[in-house]
């Protein structure tokens, strides 16, 4: 039955509409017998209480806000985001929470979206799917004392903010060391925005590995661009226009790596015979692309599921202390990286 109202339920149960509202809000003063009678009428008539109305009494929306780093159409092109959302959604569904996505083309739009969610009581807490330097959204949420969790490492006040992350510095060092161990000395780095903490940390690991091996850390070998396929293509054009281009590349994101492989083909360079590539995230595409990518598996699903668990714990108990959860990573060795000696013979 469509369009059933509280008044119709009240009439069928023989009670006042205000009693139906109180049953929906699980008011303690309503007798068990009356609750049963009203709920029976609701079920028979197919009435589903409005979530907002049901939660007004306890001020809970049973919703989690999820903030994407850029507009959804761009972010969702990157398989990282659907996968992290899958992890969040699984926990949210299990604990009877809904998700509300918020996006924005600019920092100002993103902040407006977050302010709307907080001021209009649309959500109980917020998960930020990014971490950047001097983020006004983080500052706003701290000022409001509103429950939130960051997927990534906060740029400041780390001990006050619950966050779920990988050790990206160590991962960057390990994956770069893999190329060094394969005999590569001229190693480039392609990353996203230098405002993003994940890029800064992965590049720091790249630097540490080069330094430890006594290899030069050249500014010309570093390119920063968007974490998208088109961004990767632009990066390659710049990097391989220099006189002594790299034989190995550390690329901060799998989707960007696929763009790099395509662009290298246009340049007449093959992966891994001419250029070895290592990457991060281990999204599904990294396994099925040609060649399959050697990449750091950061366990994206776990990043999402742990973030949701932490947030819901914080929502239910505001005194819950800030946590730092580090999800382990592992390198998936595939066909995109090979020994330099092998490539130089080709």
C-alpha atoms as a PDB file:
ATOM      1  CA  UNK A   1       0.000   0.000   0.000  1.00  0.00           C
ATOM      2  CA  UNK A   2       1.484   3.360  -1.048  1.00  0.00           C
ATOM      3  CA  UNK A   3       1.354   6.702   0.732  1.00  0.00           C
ATOM      4  CA  UNK A   4       0.311   5.378   4.156  1.00  0.00           C
ATOM      5  CA  UNK A   5       0.295   8.167   6.772  1.00  0.00           C
ATOM      6  CA  UNK A   6       0.661   8.229  10.545  1.00  0.00           C
ATOM      7  CA  UNK A   7      -3.010   9.249  10.777  1.00  0.00           C
ATOM      8  CA  UNK A   8      -4.114   6.135   8.872  1.00  0.00           C
ATOM      9  CA  UNK A   9      -1.965   3.888  11.089  1.00  0.00           C
ATOM     10  CA  UNK A  10      -3.383   5.604  14.191  1.00  0.00           C
ATOM     11  CA  UNK A  11      -6.963   5.027  12.995  1.00  0.00           C
ATOM     12  CA  UNK A  12      -6.304   1.333  12.258  1.00  0.00           C
ATOM     13  CA  UNK A  13      -4.662   0.805  15.682  1.00  0.00           C
ATOM     14  CA  UNK A  14      -7.313   2.815  17.530  1.00  0.00           C
ATOM     15  CA  UNK A  15      -4.822   5.326  18.974  1.00  0.00           C
ATOM     16  CA  UNK A  16      -3.959   9.006  18.546  1.00  0.00           C
ATOM     17  CA  UNK A  17      -1.415   9.998  15.834  1.00  0.00           C
ATOM     18  CA  UNK A  18       0.884  11.311  18.596  1.00  0.00           C
ATOM     19  CA  UNK A  19       0.926   7.794  20.095  1.00  0.00           C
ATOM     20  CA  UNK A  20       2.091   6.359  16.757  1.00  0.00           C
ATOM     21  CA  UNK A  21       4.910   8.958  16.690  1.00  0.00           C
ATOM     22  CA  UNK A  22       5.928   7.947  20.204  1.00  0.00           C
ATOM     23  CA  UNK A  23       5.940   4.253  19.263  1.00  0.00           C
ATOM     24  CA  UNK A  24       8.178   5.081  16.281  1.00  0.00           C
ATOM     25  CA  UNK A  25      10.539   6.950  18.658  1.00  0.00           C
ATOM     26  CA  UNK A  26      10.357   4.016  21.117  1.00  0.00           C
ATOM     27  CA  UNK A  27       9.050   6.255  23.912  1.00  0.00           C
ATOM     28  CA  UNK A  28       9.312   4.523  27.330  1.00  0.00           C
ATOM     29  CA  UNK A  29       5.874   5.734  28.504  1.00  0.00           C
ATOM     30  CA  UNK A  30       3.991   3.761  25.854  1.00  0.00           C
ATOM     31  CA  UNK A  31       2.861   0.362  27.114  1.00  0.00           C
ATOM     32  CA  UNK A  32       4.155  -2.825  25.494  1.00  0.00           C
ATOM     33  CA  UNK A  33       0.605  -3.787  24.464  1.00  0.00           C
ATOM     34  CA  UNK A  34       0.056  -0.463  22.662  1.00  0.00           C
ATOM     35  CA  UNK A  35       3.463  -0.722  20.956  1.00  0.00           C
ATOM     36  CA  UNK A  36       2.595  -4.208  19.701  1.00  0.00           C
ATOM     37  CA  UNK A  37      -0.803  -3.048  18.400  1.00  0.00           C
ATOM     38  CA  UNK A  38       0.672  -0.047  16.570  1.00  0.00           C
ATOM     39  CA  UNK A  39       3.582  -2.025  15.104  1.00  0.00           C
ATOM     40  CA  UNK A  40       1.142  -4.708  13.904  1.00  0.00           C
ATOM     41  CA  UNK A  41      -0.936  -2.031  12.123  1.00  0.00           C
ATOM     42  CA  UNK A  42       2.225  -0.494  10.610  1.00  0.00           C
ATOM     43  CA  UNK A  43       3.360  -3.867   9.290  1.00  0.00           C
ATOM     44  CA  UNK A  44      -0.073  -4.809   7.867  1.00  0.00           C
ATOM     45  CA  UNK A  45      -0.410  -1.430   6.131  1.00  0.00           C
ATOM     46  CA  UNK A  46       3.201  -1.403   4.839  1.00  0.00           C
ATOM     47  CA  UNK A  47       4.060   1.797   6.684  1.00  0.00           C
ATOM     48  CA  UNK A  48       7.793   2.611   6.909  1.00  0.00           C
ATOM     49  CA  UNK A  49       8.543   5.396   9.377  1.00  0.00           C
ATOM     50  CA  UNK A  50      10.513   8.327   8.090  1.00  0.00           C
ATOM     51  CA  UNK A  51      14.084   7.857   9.315  1.00  0.00           C
ATOM     52  CA  UNK A  52      14.394  11.475  10.397  1.00  0.00           C
ATOM     53  CA  UNK A  53      11.157  11.339  12.372  1.00  0.00           C
ATOM     54  CA  UNK A  54      12.144   8.090  14.041  1.00  0.00           C
ATOM     55  CA  UNK A  55      15.482   9.481  15.125  1.00  0.00           C
ATOM     56  CA  UNK A  56      14.418  12.904  16.372  1.00  0.00           C
ATOM     57  CA  UNK A  57      13.906  11.511  19.873  1.00  0.00           C
ATOM     58  CA  UNK A  58      17.462  10.219  20.293  1.00  0.00           C
ATOM     59  CA  UNK A  59      19.080  12.755  17.956  1.00  0.00           C
ATOM     60  CA  UNK A  60      20.595   9.949  15.883  1.00  0.00           C
ATOM     61  CA  UNK A  61      20.289   9.984  12.098  1.00  0.00           C
ATOM     62  CA  UNK A  62      21.737   6.475  11.659  1.00  0.00           C
ATOM     63  CA  UNK A  63      23.670   8.017   8.761  1.00  0.00           C
ATOM     64  CA  UNK A  64      27.389   8.489   8.083  1.00  0.00           C
ATOM     65  CA  UNK A  65      28.704  11.290   5.882  1.00  0.00           C
ATOM     66  CA  UNK A  66      31.472  10.325   3.467  1.00  0.00           C
ATOM     67  CA  UNK A  67      33.491  13.169   1.943  1.00  0.00           C
ATOM     68  CA  UNK A  68      35.226  12.565  -1.394  1.00  0.00           C
ATOM     69  CA  UNK A  69      38.372  14.540  -2.249  1.00  0.00           C
ATOM     70  CA  UNK A  70      37.079  15.915  -5.560  1.00  0.00           C
ATOM     71  CA  UNK A  71      33.826  15.810  -7.520  1.00  0.00           C
ATOM     72  CA  UNK A  72      32.310  12.327  -7.568  1.00  0.00           C
ATOM     73  CA  UNK A  73      32.538  11.911 -11.350  1.00  0.00           C
ATOM     74  CA  UNK A  74      36.335  12.322 -11.190  1.00  0.00           C
ATOM     75  CA  UNK A  75      36.928  10.436  -7.949  1.00  0.00           C
ATOM     76  CA  UNK A  76      34.790   7.480  -8.956  1.00  0.00           C
ATOM     77  CA  UNK A  77      36.880   6.979 -12.098  1.00  0.00           C
ATOM     78  CA  UNK A  78      39.594   5.833  -9.717  1.00  0.00           C
ATOM     79  CA  UNK A  79      38.841   2.283  -8.492  1.00  0.00           C
ATOM     80  CA  UNK A  80      40.258   3.168  -5.048  1.00  0.00           C
ATOM     81  CA  UNK A  81      37.079   5.032  -4.117  1.00  0.00           C
ATOM     82  CA  UNK A  82      34.423   2.426  -5.000  1.00  0.00           C
ATOM     83  CA  UNK A  83      36.507  -0.153  -3.123  1.00  0.00           C
ATOM     84  CA  UNK A  84      36.959   1.967   0.021  1.00  0.00           C
ATOM     85  CA  UNK A  85      33.219   2.766  -0.123  1.00  0.00           C
ATOM     86  CA  UNK A  86      32.509  -0.967  -0.331  1.00  0.00           C
ATOM     87  CA  UNK A  87      34.411  -1.454   2.945  1.00  0.00           C
ATOM     88  CA  UNK A  88      32.601   1.438   4.637  1.00  0.00           C
ATOM     89  CA  UNK A  89      29.227   0.298   3.320  1.00  0.00           C
ATOM     90  CA  UNK A  90      29.620  -3.293   4.541  1.00  0.00           C
ATOM     91  CA  UNK A  91      30.151  -2.171   8.145  1.00  0.00           C
ATOM     92  CA  UNK A  92      27.513   0.560   7.932  1.00  0.00           C
ATOM     93  CA  UNK A  93      24.915  -1.873   6.577  1.00  0.00           C
ATOM     94  CA  UNK A  94      25.701  -4.427   9.276  1.00  0.00           C
ATOM     95  CA  UNK A  95      25.216  -1.789  11.979  1.00  0.00           C
ATOM     96  CA  UNK A  96      22.080  -0.309  10.337  1.00  0.00           C
ATOM     97  CA  UNK A  97      23.657   2.937   9.113  1.00  0.00           C
ATOM     98  CA  UNK A  98      23.127   4.652   5.770  1.00  0.00           C
ATOM     99  CA  UNK A  99      25.756   6.585   3.813  1.00  0.00           C
ATOM    100  CA  UNK A 100      25.515  10.176   2.597  1.00  0.00           C
ATOM    101  CA  UNK A 101      28.141  11.162   0.004  1.00  0.00           C
ATOM    102  CA  UNK A 102      29.447  14.708  -0.152  1.00  0.00           C
ATOM    103  CA  UNK A 103      31.641  16.089  -2.935  1.00  0.00           C
ATOM    104  CA  UNK A 104      32.819  19.404  -4.296  1.00  0.00           C
ATOM    105  CA  UNK A 105      34.789  20.805  -7.226  1.00  0.00           C
ATOM    106  CA  UNK A 106      36.728  23.132  -4.897  1.00  0.00           C
ATOM    107  CA  UNK A 107      37.793  23.230  -1.230  1.00  0.00           C
ATOM    108  CA  UNK A 108      35.082  25.841  -0.634  1.00  0.00           C
ATOM    109  CA  UNK A 109      32.351  23.596  -2.088  1.00  0.00           C
ATOM    110  CA  UNK A 110      33.607  20.655  -0.045  1.00  0.00           C
ATOM    111  CA  UNK A 111      33.476  22.707   3.138  1.00  0.00           C
ATOM    112  CA  UNK A 112      29.962  23.950   2.319  1.00  0.00           C
ATOM    113  CA  UNK A 113      28.813  20.346   1.901  1.00  0.00           C
ATOM    114  CA  UNK A 114      30.317  19.314   5.237  1.00  0.00           C
ATOM    115  CA  UNK A 115      28.835  22.346   7.028  1.00  0.00           C
ATOM    116  CA  UNK A 116      25.391  21.463   5.620  1.00  0.00           C
ATOM    117  CA  UNK A 117      25.705  17.893   6.924  1.00  0.00           C
ATOM    118  CA  UNK A 118      26.765  19.066  10.397  1.00  0.00           C
ATOM    119  CA  UNK A 119      24.428  22.060  10.868  1.00  0.00           C
ATOM    120  CA  UNK A 120      21.332  20.296   9.524  1.00  0.00           C
ATOM    121  CA  UNK A 121      21.950  17.146  11.640  1.00  0.00           C
ATOM    122  CA  UNK A 122      21.929  14.963   8.531  1.00  0.00           C
ATOM    123  CA  UNK A 123      24.645  12.605   9.791  1.00  0.00           C
ATOM    124  CA  UNK A 124      25.999  11.276  13.099  1.00  0.00           C
ATOM    125  CA  UNK A 125      29.629  11.429  11.971  1.00  0.00           C
ATOM    126  CA  UNK A 126      31.868  11.923   8.937  1.00  0.00           C
ATOM    127  CA  UNK A 127      34.596   9.949   7.160  1.00  0.00           C
ATOM    128  CA  UNK A 128      37.081  11.958   5.087  1.00  0.00           C
ATOM    129  CA  UNK A 129      38.499   9.904   2.194  1.00  0.00           C
ATOM    130  CA  UNK A 130      41.582  12.092   1.864  1.00  0.00           C
ATOM    131  CA  UNK A 131      44.085  14.050   3.925  1.00  0.00           C
ATOM    132  CA  UNK A 132      45.668  17.319   2.843  1.00  0.00           C
ATOM    133  CA  UNK A 133      47.776  20.129   4.286  1.00  0.00           C
ATOM    134  CA  UNK A 134      45.864  22.957   6.045  1.00  0.00           C
ATOM    135  CA  UNK A 135      42.467  21.383   5.458  1.00  0.00           C
ATOM    136  CA  UNK A 136      39.664  23.797   6.462  1.00  0.00           C
ATOM    137  CA  UNK A 137      37.221  20.854   6.696  1.00  0.00           C
ATOM    138  CA  UNK A 138      39.312  19.168   9.423  1.00  0.00           C
ATOM    139  CA  UNK A 139      39.647  22.465  11.306  1.00  0.00           C
ATOM    140  CA  UNK A 140      35.868  22.987  11.118  1.00  0.00           C
ATOM    141  CA  UNK A 141      35.086  19.470  12.404  1.00  0.00           C
ATOM    142  CA  UNK A 142      37.542  19.888  15.299  1.00  0.00           C
ATOM    143  CA  UNK A 143      36.006  23.271  16.207  1.00  0.00           C
ATOM    144  CA  UNK A 144      32.519  21.736  16.176  1.00  0.00           C
ATOM    145  CA  UNK A 145      33.695  18.712  18.197  1.00  0.00           C
ATOM    146  CA  UNK A 146      31.899  16.595  15.595  1.00  0.00           C
ATOM    147  CA  UNK A 147      32.807  12.884  15.308  1.00  0.00           C
ATOM    148  CA  UNK A 148      34.989  12.193  12.261  1.00  0.00           C
ATOM    149  CA  UNK A 149      37.618   9.782  10.986  1.00  0.00           C
ATOM    150  CA  UNK A 150      40.270  10.349   8.315  1.00  0.00           C
ATOM    151  CA  UNK A 151      41.305   7.693   5.786  1.00  0.00           C
ATOM    152  CA  UNK A 152      44.945   8.720   5.556  1.00  0.00           C
ATOM    153  CA  UNK A 153      47.281  10.558   7.911  1.00  0.00           C
ATOM    154  CA  UNK A 154      46.238  14.001   9.197  1.00  0.00           C
ATOM    155  CA  UNK A 155      48.727  16.772   8.391  1.00  0.00           C
ATOM    156  CA  UNK A 156      48.607  18.083  11.967  1.00  0.00           C
ATOM    157  CA  UNK A 157      47.125  17.306  15.397  1.00  0.00           C
ATOM    158  CA  UNK A 158      47.679  13.630  14.570  1.00  0.00           C
ATOM    159  CA  UNK A 159      47.160  12.498  18.181  1.00  0.00           C
ATOM    160  CA  UNK A 160      43.740  14.205  18.361  1.00  0.00           C
ATOM    161  CA  UNK A 161      42.290  12.751  15.151  1.00  0.00           C
ATOM    162  CA  UNK A 162      41.230   9.136  14.637  1.00  0.00           C
ATOM    163  CA  UNK A 163      42.706   7.959  11.345  1.00  0.00           C
ATOM    164  CA  UNK A 164      43.139   4.757   9.381  1.00  0.00           C
ATOM    165  CA  UNK A 165      46.179   4.601   7.125  1.00  0.00           C
ATOM    166  CA  UNK A 166      49.042   2.530   5.734  1.00  0.00           C
ATOM    167  CA  UNK A 167      52.661   3.255   6.525  1.00  0.00           C
ATOM    168  CA  UNK A 168      53.078   5.015   3.181  1.00  0.00           C
ATOM    169  CA  UNK A 169      56.643   6.189   3.871  1.00  0.00           C
ATOM    170  CA  UNK A 170      57.781   2.609   4.456  1.00  0.00           C
ATOM    171  CA  UNK A 171      55.730   1.328   1.512  1.00  0.00           C
ATOM    172  CA  UNK A 172      57.296   3.988  -0.745  1.00  0.00           C
ATOM    173  CA  UNK A 173      60.766   3.013   0.456  1.00  0.00           C
ATOM    174  CA  UNK A 174      60.134  -0.730  -0.010  1.00  0.00           C
ATOM    175  CA  UNK A 175      58.708  -0.451  -3.553  1.00  0.00           C
ATOM    176  CA  UNK A 176      61.557   1.898  -4.629  1.00  0.00           C
ATOM    177  CA  UNK A 177      64.123  -0.471  -3.109  1.00  0.00           C
ATOM    178  CA  UNK A 178      62.620  -3.227  -5.265  1.00  0.00           C
ATOM    179  CA  UNK A 179      63.569  -1.249  -8.412  1.00  0.00           C
ATOM    180  CA  UNK A 180      67.031  -0.509  -6.985  1.00  0.00           C
ATOM    181  CA  UNK A 181      67.538  -4.218  -6.274  1.00  0.00           C
ATOM    182  CA  UNK A 182      66.658  -4.907  -9.915  1.00  0.00           C
ATOM    183  CA  UNK A 183      69.636  -2.729 -10.908  1.00  0.00           C
ATOM    184  CA  UNK A 184      67.862   0.542 -11.718  1.00  0.00           C
ATOM    185  CA  UNK A 185      69.697   3.750 -10.832  1.00  0.00           C
ATOM    186  CA  UNK A 186      67.772   6.407 -12.756  1.00  0.00           C
ATOM    187  CA  UNK A 187      64.389   6.174 -11.032  1.00  0.00           C
ATOM    188  CA  UNK A 188      61.584   8.694 -11.457  1.00  0.00           C
ATOM    189  CA  UNK A 189      58.561   9.437  -9.278  1.00  0.00           C
ATOM    190  CA  UNK A 190      55.086  10.355 -10.540  1.00  0.00           C
ATOM    191  CA  UNK A 191      52.612  11.425  -7.853  1.00  0.00           C
ATOM    192  CA  UNK A 192      49.445  13.397  -7.326  1.00  0.00           C
ATOM    193  CA  UNK A 193      48.951  16.778  -5.680  1.00  0.00           C
ATOM    194  CA  UNK A 194      51.727  17.803  -3.294  1.00  0.00           C
ATOM    195  CA  UNK A 195      49.003  18.983  -0.879  1.00  0.00           C
ATOM    196  CA  UNK A 196      47.942  15.358  -0.356  1.00  0.00           C
ATOM    197  CA  UNK A 197      49.643  13.639   2.576  1.00  0.00           C
ATOM    198  CA  UNK A 198      49.597  10.235   0.833  1.00  0.00           C
ATOM    199  CA  UNK A 199      51.688  11.644  -2.049  1.00  0.00           C
ATOM    200  CA  UNK A 200      54.102  13.381   0.346  1.00  0.00           C
ATOM    201  CA  UNK A 201      54.615  10.167   2.360  1.00  0.00           C
ATOM    202  CA  UNK A 202      55.114   7.901  -0.656  1.00  0.00           C
ATOM    203  CA  UNK A 203      57.578  10.354  -2.180  1.00  0.00           C
ATOM    204  CA  UNK A 204      59.417  10.589   1.154  1.00  0.00           C
ATOM    205  CA  UNK A 205      59.857   6.796   1.077  1.00  0.00           C
ATOM    206  CA  UNK A 206      61.138   7.029  -2.514  1.00  0.00           C
ATOM    207  CA  UNK A 207      63.678   9.669  -1.402  1.00  0.00           C
ATOM    208  CA  UNK A 208      64.824   7.570   1.570  1.00  0.00           C
ATOM    209  CA  UNK A 209      65.420   4.497  -0.606  1.00  0.00           C
ATOM    210  CA  UNK A 210      67.497   6.498  -3.110  1.00  0.00           C
ATOM    211  CA  UNK A 211      69.474   8.152  -0.312  1.00  0.00           C
ATOM    212  CA  UNK A 212      70.167   4.814   1.389  1.00  0.00           C
ATOM    213  CA  UNK A 213      71.422   3.364  -1.911  1.00  0.00           C
ATOM    214  CA  UNK A 214      73.593   6.434  -2.594  1.00  0.00           C
ATOM    215  CA  UNK A 215      71.609   7.315  -5.737  1.00  0.00           C
ATOM    216  CA  UNK A 216      70.831  10.879  -6.874  1.00  0.00           C
ATOM    217  CA  UNK A 217      67.472  12.422  -6.062  1.00  0.00           C
ATOM    218  CA  UNK A 218      66.871  14.617  -9.112  1.00  0.00           C
ATOM    219  CA  UNK A 219      64.155  17.246  -9.301  1.00  0.00           C
ATOM    220  CA  UNK A 220      63.704  16.520 -13.037  1.00  0.00           C
ATOM    221  CA  UNK A 221      62.694  12.954 -12.153  1.00  0.00           C
ATOM    222  CA  UNK A 222      59.766  14.106 -10.008  1.00  0.00           C
ATOM    223  CA  UNK A 223      56.397  14.859 -11.578  1.00  0.00           C
ATOM    224  CA  UNK A 224      53.196  15.796  -9.750  1.00  0.00           C
ATOM    225  CA  UNK A 225      49.836  15.527 -11.432  1.00  0.00           C
ATOM    226  CA  UNK A 226      46.251  14.382 -10.816  1.00  0.00           C
ATOM    227  CA  UNK A 227      45.621  10.757  -9.812  1.00  0.00           C
ATOM    228  CA  UNK A 228      43.909  10.091 -13.120  1.00  0.00           C
ATOM    229  CA  UNK A 229      44.787   8.363 -16.367  1.00  0.00           C
ATOM    230  CA  UNK A 230      45.051  11.668 -18.259  1.00  0.00           C
ATOM    231  CA  UNK A 231      47.324  13.039 -15.544  1.00  0.00           C
ATOM    232  CA  UNK A 232      49.657  10.089 -15.912  1.00  0.00           C
ATOM    233  CA  UNK A 233      49.919  10.623 -19.662  1.00  0.00           C
ATOM    234  CA  UNK A 234      50.901  14.283 -19.222  1.00  0.00           C
ATOM    235  CA  UNK A 235      53.509  13.282 -16.628  1.00  0.00           C
ATOM    236  CA  UNK A 236      55.206  10.824 -18.988  1.00  0.00           C
ATOM    237  CA  UNK A 237      55.411  13.393 -21.765  1.00  0.00           C
ATOM    238  CA  UNK A 238      57.337  15.727 -19.438  1.00  0.00           C
ATOM    239  CA  UNK A 239      59.535  13.066 -17.865  1.00  0.00           C
ATOM    240  CA  UNK A 240      60.715  11.475 -21.109  1.00  0.00           C
ATOM    241  CA  UNK A 241      61.488  14.811 -22.749  1.00  0.00           C
ATOM    242  CA  UNK A 242      64.604  15.249 -20.552  1.00  0.00           C
ATOM    243  CA  UNK A 243      68.024  14.198 -21.945  1.00  0.00           C
ATOM    244  CA  UNK A 244      68.625  11.241 -19.597  1.00  0.00           C
ATOM    245  CA  UNK A 245      65.166   9.734 -18.874  1.00  0.00           C
ATOM    246  CA  UNK A 246      64.654   7.172 -16.099  1.00  0.00           C
ATOM    247  CA  UNK A 247      64.709   3.397 -16.611  1.00  0.00           C
ATOM    248  CA  UNK A 248      62.433   2.843 -13.593  1.00  0.00           C
ATOM    249  CA  UNK A 249      59.326   4.659 -12.382  1.00  0.00           C
ATOM    250  CA  UNK A 250      57.624   4.737  -8.984  1.00  0.00           C
ATOM    251  CA  UNK A 251      54.024   5.824  -9.602  1.00  0.00           C
ATOM    252  CA  UNK A 252      51.792   6.788  -6.676  1.00  0.00           C
ATOM    253  CA  UNK A 253      48.584   5.280  -8.061  1.00  0.00           C
ATOM    254  CA  UNK A 254      47.611   2.279 -10.244  1.00  0.00           C
ATOM    255  CA  UNK A 255      45.203   4.190 -12.485  1.00  0.00           C
ATOM    256  CA  UNK A 256      47.906   6.730 -13.291  1.00  0.00           C
ATOM    257  CA  UNK A 257      50.278   3.840 -14.065  1.00  0.00           C
ATOM    258  CA  UNK A 258      47.931   2.546 -16.764  1.00  0.00           C
ATOM    259  CA  UNK A 259      48.051   5.969 -18.420  1.00  0.00           C
ATOM    260  CA  UNK A 260      51.849   5.874 -18.207  1.00  0.00           C
ATOM    261  CA  UNK A 261      52.044   2.461 -19.893  1.00  0.00           C
ATOM    262  CA  UNK A 262      49.847   3.691 -22.771  1.00  0.00           C
ATOM    263  CA  UNK A 263      51.880   6.855 -23.222  1.00  0.00           C
ATOM    264  CA  UNK A 264      55.172   4.930 -23.181  1.00  0.00           C
ATOM    265  CA  UNK A 265      53.865   2.785 -26.033  1.00  0.00           C
ATOM    266  CA  UNK A 266      53.241   5.979 -28.039  1.00  0.00           C
ATOM    267  CA  UNK A 267      56.858   6.954 -27.325  1.00  0.00           C
ATOM    268  CA  UNK A 268      57.965   3.553 -28.638  1.00  0.00           C
ATOM    269  CA  UNK A 269      59.015   2.384 -25.174  1.00  0.00           C
ATOM    270  CA  UNK A 270      57.917  -0.956 -23.777  1.00  0.00           C
ATOM    271  CA  UNK A 271      57.132  -1.957 -20.190  1.00  0.00           C
ATOM    272  CA  UNK A 272      59.131  -3.633 -18.685  1.00  0.00           C
ATOM    273  CA  UNK A 273      61.734  -4.134 -21.454  1.00  0.00           C
ATOM    274  CA  UNK A 274      62.619  -0.416 -21.714  1.00  0.00           C
ATOM    275  CA  UNK A 275      61.071   1.044 -18.563  1.00  0.00           C
ATOM    276  CA  UNK A 276      60.146  -0.780 -15.341  1.00  0.00           C
ATOM    277  CA  UNK A 277      57.084   0.465 -13.447  1.00  0.00           C
ATOM    278  CA  UNK A 278      56.016  -0.070  -9.830  1.00  0.00           C
ATOM    279  CA  UNK A 279      52.846   1.351  -8.341  1.00  0.00           C
ATOM    280  CA  UNK A 280      50.466   1.576  -5.378  1.00  0.00           C
ATOM    281  CA  UNK A 281      46.946   0.440  -4.356  1.00  0.00           C
ATOM    282  CA  UNK A 282      46.512  -2.944  -6.124  1.00  0.00           C
ATOM    283  CA  UNK A 283      43.137  -2.064  -7.583  1.00  0.00           C
ATOM    284  CA  UNK A 284      41.480  -4.764  -9.715  1.00  0.00           C
ATOM    285  CA  UNK A 285      42.706  -3.141 -12.948  1.00  0.00           C
ATOM    286  CA  UNK A 286      46.350  -3.553 -11.896  1.00  0.00           C
ATOM    287  CA  UNK A 287      46.051  -7.325 -12.305  1.00  0.00           C
ATOM    288  CA  UNK A 288      44.242  -7.362 -15.656  1.00  0.00           C
ATOM    289  CA  UNK A 289      46.120  -4.569 -17.454  1.00  0.00           C
ATOM    290  CA  UNK A 290      48.992  -5.470 -19.782  1.00  0.00           C
ATOM    291  CA  UNK A 291      51.545  -5.909 -18.397  1.00  0.00           C
ATOM    292  CA  UNK A 292      50.083  -6.659 -14.953  1.00  0.00           C
ATOM    293  CA  UNK A 293      51.462  -4.120 -12.461  1.00  0.00           C
ATOM    294  CA  UNK A 294      53.911  -4.752  -9.647  1.00  0.00           C
ATOM    295  CA  UNK A 295      52.140  -2.754  -6.964  1.00  0.00           C
ATOM    296  CA  UNK A 296      51.724  -2.196  -3.235  1.00  0.00           C
ATOM    297  CA  UNK A 297      48.514  -3.812  -2.006  1.00  0.00           C
ATOM    298  CA  UNK A 298      47.269  -1.331   0.617  1.00  0.00           C
ATOM    299  CA  UNK A 299      44.106  -3.374   1.413  1.00  0.00           C
ATOM    300  CA  UNK A 300      41.665  -0.648   0.398  1.00  0.00           C
ATOM    301  CA  UNK A 301      38.570  -2.531   1.615  1.00  0.00           C
ATOM    302  CA  UNK A 302      40.070  -2.775   5.128  1.00  0.00           C
ATOM    303  CA  UNK A 303      40.858   0.951   5.153  1.00  0.00           C
ATOM    304  CA  UNK A 304      37.144   1.575   4.580  1.00  0.00           C
ATOM    305  CA  UNK A 305      35.768  -1.021   6.971  1.00  0.00           C
ATOM    306  CA  UNK A 306      38.081   0.031   9.823  1.00  0.00           C
ATOM    307  CA  UNK A 307      37.235   3.701   9.264  1.00  0.00           C
ATOM    308  CA  UNK A 308      33.510   2.912   9.538  1.00  0.00           C
ATOM    309  CA  UNK A 309      34.012   0.823  12.707  1.00  0.00           C
ATOM    310  CA  UNK A 310      36.062   3.588  14.350  1.00  0.00           C
ATOM    311  CA  UNK A 311      33.533   6.264  13.453  1.00  0.00           C
ATOM    312  CA  UNK A 312      30.506   4.343  14.713  1.00  0.00           C
ATOM    313  CA  UNK A 313      32.355   3.585  17.989  1.00  0.00           C
ATOM    314  CA  UNK A 314      33.051   7.309  18.325  1.00  0.00           C
ATOM    315  CA  UNK A 315      29.438   8.223  17.522  1.00  0.00           C
ATOM    316  CA  UNK A 316      28.147   5.850  20.187  1.00  0.00           C
ATOM    317  CA  UNK A 317      30.686   6.995  22.770  1.00  0.00           C
ATOM    318  CA  UNK A 318      31.915  10.581  22.350  1.00  0.00           C
ATOM    319  CA  UNK A 319      34.578   9.960  25.024  1.00  0.00           C
ATOM    320  CA  UNK A 320      36.243   7.319  22.801  1.00  0.00           C
ATOM    321  CA  UNK A 321      39.924   8.377  22.533  1.00  0.00           C
ATOM    322  CA  UNK A 322      41.543   9.150  19.177  1.00  0.00           C
ATOM    323  CA  UNK A 323      43.027   6.080  17.490  1.00  0.00           C
ATOM    324  CA  UNK A 324      45.676   5.501  14.858  1.00  0.00           C
ATOM    325  CA  UNK A 325      45.041   2.297  12.934  1.00  0.00           C
ATOM    326  CA  UNK A 326      47.727   1.170  10.489  1.00  0.00           C
ATOM    327  CA  UNK A 327      46.597  -1.355   7.872  1.00  0.00           C
ATOM    328  CA  UNK A 328      49.458  -3.604   6.731  1.00  0.00           C
ATOM    329  CA  UNK A 329      50.540  -3.619   3.080  1.00  0.00           C
ATOM    330  CA  UNK A 330      52.266  -6.132   0.833  1.00  0.00           C
ATOM    331  CA  UNK A 331      53.987  -5.900  -2.527  1.00  0.00           C
ATOM    332  CA  UNK A 332      52.362  -7.853  -5.360  1.00  0.00           C
ATOM    333  CA  UNK A 333      55.132  -8.848  -7.759  1.00  0.00           C
ATOM    334  CA  UNK A 334      53.902  -8.957 -11.338  1.00  0.00           C
ATOM    335  CA  UNK A 335      55.307  -8.301 -14.820  1.00  0.00           C
ATOM    336  CA  UNK A 336      55.761  -4.503 -14.996  1.00  0.00           C
ATOM    337  CA  UNK A 337      59.226  -4.441 -13.396  1.00  0.00           C
ATOM    338  CA  UNK A 338      62.302  -6.368 -14.464  1.00  0.00           C
ATOM    339  CA  UNK A 339      66.085  -6.288 -14.070  1.00  0.00           C
ATOM    340  CA  UNK A 340      67.842  -3.360 -15.735  1.00  0.00           C
ATOM    341  CA  UNK A 341      70.387  -5.747 -17.277  1.00  0.00           C
ATOM    342  CA  UNK A 342      67.520  -7.590 -18.963  1.00  0.00           C
ATOM    343  CA  UNK A 343      66.058  -4.372 -20.326  1.00  0.00           C
ATOM    344  CA  UNK A 344      69.393  -3.036 -21.622  1.00  0.00           C
ATOM    345  CA  UNK A 345      69.936  -6.166 -23.749  1.00  0.00           C
ATOM    346  CA  UNK A 346      66.718  -5.556 -25.714  1.00  0.00           C
END
